[in-house]
Amino acid sequence: MDPMRIVRWVILALSSAAMGFGLLIMFGLLVPSHFAMPGEYRIVVGLVVFLYGLYRFVVTYYRPTRP
């Protein structure tokens, strides 16, 4: 199997995980209860992590592959 295909699938999986972590941060499941952070910051941080994961996924998915 081509090593670049393996790397591509790993990047797709990690970017999907980043999107999932972003959603979990926005919903407040990954933020510790003793951590004093306003809800607006939690949503902004979660959104940034989600959008970064989405960006990496789209860039990797639509990158042209070499034959």
N, C-alpha and C. Protein backbone atom coordinates (compact mmCIF):
# COMPACT_ATOMS: atom_id res chain seq x y z
N MET A 1 0.85 -1.18 0.00
CA MET A 1 0.00 0.00 0.00
C MET A 1 0.89 1.24 0.00
N ASP A 2 0.41 2.26 -0.65
CA ASP A 2 1.14 3.51 -0.78
C ASP A 2 1.18 4.25 0.56
N PRO A 3 2.38 4.63 1.04
CA PRO A 3 2.48 5.32 2.33
C PRO A 3 1.76 6.66 2.36
N MET A 4 1.68 7.35 1.23
CA MET A 4 1.00 8.64 1.21
C MET A 4 -0.51 8.49 1.39
N ARG A 5 -1.06 7.36 0.93
CA ARG A 5 -2.49 7.11 1.18
C ARG A 5 -2.75 6.88 2.66
N ILE A 6 -1.82 6.20 3.32
CA ILE A 6 -1.96 5.97 4.76
C ILE A 6 -1.89 7.30 5.51
N VAL A 7 -0.94 8.15 5.14
CA VAL A 7 -0.80 9.46 5.78
C VAL A 7 -2.06 10.29 5.54
N ARG A 8 -2.61 10.22 4.35
CA ARG A 8 -3.83 10.97 4.03
C ARG A 8 -4.98 10.52 4.93
N TRP A 9 -5.14 9.22 5.10
CA TRP A 9 -6.23 8.71 5.94
C TRP A 9 -6.01 9.05 7.41
N VAL A 10 -4.78 9.07 7.84
CA VAL A 10 -4.48 9.46 9.23
C VAL A 10 -4.83 10.93 9.44
N ILE A 11 -4.47 11.78 8.48
CA ILE A 11 -4.80 13.20 8.60
C ILE A 11 -6.31 13.41 8.60
N LEU A 12 -7.02 12.67 7.75
CA LEU A 12 -8.48 12.78 7.74
C LEU A 12 -9.09 12.35 9.08
N ALA A 13 -8.56 11.29 9.66
CA ALA A 13 -9.07 10.82 10.95
C ALA A 13 -8.76 11.82 12.07
N LEU A 14 -7.56 12.37 12.08
CA LEU A 14 -7.20 13.35 13.11
C LEU A 14 -7.99 14.64 12.97
N SER A 15 -8.23 15.07 11.75
CA SER A 15 -9.02 16.29 11.58
C SER A 15 -10.48 16.05 11.97
N SER A 16 -10.99 14.86 11.73
CA SER A 16 -12.34 14.53 12.20
C SER A 16 -12.39 14.50 13.72
N ALA A 17 -11.34 13.99 14.35
CA ALA A 17 -11.27 13.98 15.81
C ALA A 17 -11.22 15.41 16.35
N ALA A 18 -10.50 16.30 15.67
CA ALA A 18 -10.44 17.70 16.10
C ALA A 18 -11.82 18.35 16.01
N MET A 19 -12.57 18.02 14.95
CA MET A 19 -13.92 18.56 14.86
C MET A 19 -14.79 18.04 16.00
N GLY A 20 -14.63 16.77 16.34
CA GLY A 20 -15.38 16.20 17.45
C GLY A 20 -15.01 16.84 18.77
N PHE A 21 -13.72 17.07 18.99
CA PHE A 21 -13.28 17.73 20.21
C PHE A 21 -13.82 19.16 20.29
N GLY A 22 -13.86 19.84 19.14
CA GLY A 22 -14.41 21.18 19.12
C GLY A 22 -15.88 21.20 19.53
N LEU A 23 -16.63 20.23 19.04
CA LEU A 23 -18.04 20.13 19.43
C LEU A 23 -18.18 19.83 20.92
N LEU A 24 -17.34 18.92 21.42
CA LEU A 24 -17.41 18.57 22.85
C LEU A 24 -17.04 19.76 23.73
N ILE A 25 -16.09 20.58 23.27
CA ILE A 25 -15.73 21.78 24.03
C ILE A 25 -16.90 22.76 24.02
N MET A 26 -17.53 22.92 22.86
CA MET A 26 -18.66 23.85 22.79
C MET A 26 -19.82 23.41 23.67
N PHE A 27 -20.04 22.10 23.76
CA PHE A 27 -21.12 21.59 24.60
C PHE A 27 -20.74 21.55 26.07
N GLY A 28 -19.47 21.79 26.38
CA GLY A 28 -19.02 21.85 27.77
C GLY A 28 -18.64 20.52 28.36
N LEU A 29 -18.48 19.49 27.55
CA LEU A 29 -18.15 18.17 28.07
C LEU A 29 -16.65 17.99 28.34
N LEU A 30 -15.81 18.76 27.67
CA LEU A 30 -14.36 18.63 27.87
C LEU A 30 -13.77 19.77 28.69
N VAL A 31 -14.62 20.63 29.23
CA VAL A 31 -14.15 21.74 30.04
C VAL A 31 -14.32 21.35 31.51
N PRO A 32 -13.23 21.35 32.30
CA PRO A 32 -13.36 20.99 33.71
C PRO A 32 -14.30 21.93 34.45
N SER A 33 -15.00 21.40 35.44
CA SER A 33 -15.98 22.21 36.17
C SER A 33 -15.31 23.27 37.04
N HIS A 34 -14.09 23.01 37.52
CA HIS A 34 -13.39 23.99 38.36
C HIS A 34 -12.66 25.05 37.55
N PHE A 35 -12.69 24.93 36.24
CA PHE A 35 -12.01 25.88 35.36
C PHE A 35 -12.93 27.08 35.14
N ALA A 36 -12.50 28.22 35.62
CA ALA A 36 -13.35 29.42 35.55
C ALA A 36 -13.21 30.08 34.18
N MET A 37 -14.07 29.67 33.25
CA MET A 37 -14.07 30.25 31.92
C MET A 37 -15.52 30.59 31.56
N PRO A 38 -15.78 31.81 31.15
CA PRO A 38 -17.14 32.16 30.75
C PRO A 38 -17.61 31.30 29.58
N GLY A 39 -18.91 31.14 29.48
CA GLY A 39 -19.49 30.32 28.42
C GLY A 39 -19.17 30.81 27.03
N GLU A 40 -19.04 32.12 26.87
CA GLU A 40 -18.74 32.66 25.55
C GLU A 40 -17.34 32.25 25.08
N TYR A 41 -16.39 32.21 26.02
CA TYR A 41 -15.03 31.79 25.66
C TYR A 41 -15.00 30.32 25.30
N ARG A 42 -15.77 29.53 26.01
CA ARG A 42 -15.83 28.09 25.74
C ARG A 42 -16.36 27.86 24.33
N ILE A 43 -17.37 28.61 23.95
CA ILE A 43 -17.94 28.46 22.61
C ILE A 43 -16.96 28.92 21.55
N VAL A 44 -16.26 30.01 21.80
CA VAL A 44 -15.30 30.53 20.82
C VAL A 44 -14.13 29.55 20.65
N VAL A 45 -13.61 29.03 21.76
CA VAL A 45 -12.49 28.08 21.67
C VAL A 45 -12.94 26.81 20.95
N GLY A 46 -14.12 26.31 21.28
CA GLY A 46 -14.65 25.12 20.61
C GLY A 46 -14.87 25.35 19.13
N LEU A 47 -15.35 26.53 18.78
CA LEU A 47 -15.58 26.85 17.38
C LEU A 47 -14.26 26.94 16.62
N VAL A 48 -13.24 27.52 17.22
CA VAL A 48 -11.93 27.61 16.56
C VAL A 48 -11.35 26.21 16.33
N VAL A 49 -11.43 25.34 17.31
CA VAL A 49 -10.92 23.97 17.15
C VAL A 49 -11.72 23.23 16.08
N PHE A 50 -13.04 23.39 16.09
CA PHE A 50 -13.88 22.75 15.08
C PHE A 50 -13.55 23.25 13.67
N LEU A 51 -13.42 24.57 13.51
CA LEU A 51 -13.14 25.12 12.19
C LEU A 51 -11.75 24.73 11.69
N TYR A 52 -10.78 24.62 12.61
CA TYR A 52 -9.46 24.17 12.19
C TYR A 52 -9.52 22.72 11.70
N GLY A 53 -10.24 21.88 12.41
CA GLY A 53 -10.40 20.49 11.97
C GLY A 53 -11.11 20.40 10.63
N LEU A 54 -12.13 21.23 10.45
CA LEU A 54 -12.85 21.25 9.18
C LEU A 54 -11.95 21.73 8.04
N TYR A 55 -11.15 22.75 8.31
CA TYR A 55 -10.21 23.25 7.31
C TYR A 55 -9.22 22.17 6.90
N ARG A 56 -8.62 21.49 7.88
CA ARG A 56 -7.65 20.45 7.56
C ARG A 56 -8.30 19.30 6.80
N PHE A 57 -9.53 18.96 7.16
CA PHE A 57 -10.24 17.89 6.46
C PHE A 57 -10.49 18.25 5.00
N VAL A 58 -11.00 19.45 4.76
CA VAL A 58 -11.32 19.88 3.39
C VAL A 58 -10.06 19.99 2.55
N VAL A 59 -9.01 20.58 3.10
CA VAL A 59 -7.76 20.73 2.34
C VAL A 59 -7.17 19.37 2.00
N THR A 60 -7.20 18.44 2.93
CA THR A 60 -6.64 17.11 2.68
C THR A 60 -7.52 16.31 1.73
N TYR A 61 -8.83 16.41 1.89
CA TYR A 61 -9.75 15.61 1.07
C TYR A 61 -9.72 16.05 -0.39
N TYR A 62 -9.66 17.35 -0.63
CA TYR A 62 -9.72 17.86 -1.99
C TYR A 62 -8.36 18.10 -2.63
N ARG A 63 -7.28 17.74 -1.93
CA ARG A 63 -5.95 17.88 -2.53
C ARG A 63 -5.82 16.85 -3.64
N PRO A 64 -5.33 17.28 -4.81
CA PRO A 64 -5.18 16.31 -5.90
C PRO A 64 -4.14 15.25 -5.56
N THR A 65 -4.47 14.02 -5.87
CA THR A 65 -3.56 12.91 -5.60
C THR A 65 -2.67 12.67 -6.81
N ARG A 66 -1.48 12.23 -6.53
CA ARG A 66 -0.55 11.91 -7.62
C ARG A 66 -0.77 10.48 -8.05
N PRO A 67 -0.76 10.25 -9.35
CA PRO A 67 -0.97 8.88 -9.86
C PRO A 67 0.17 7.95 -9.57
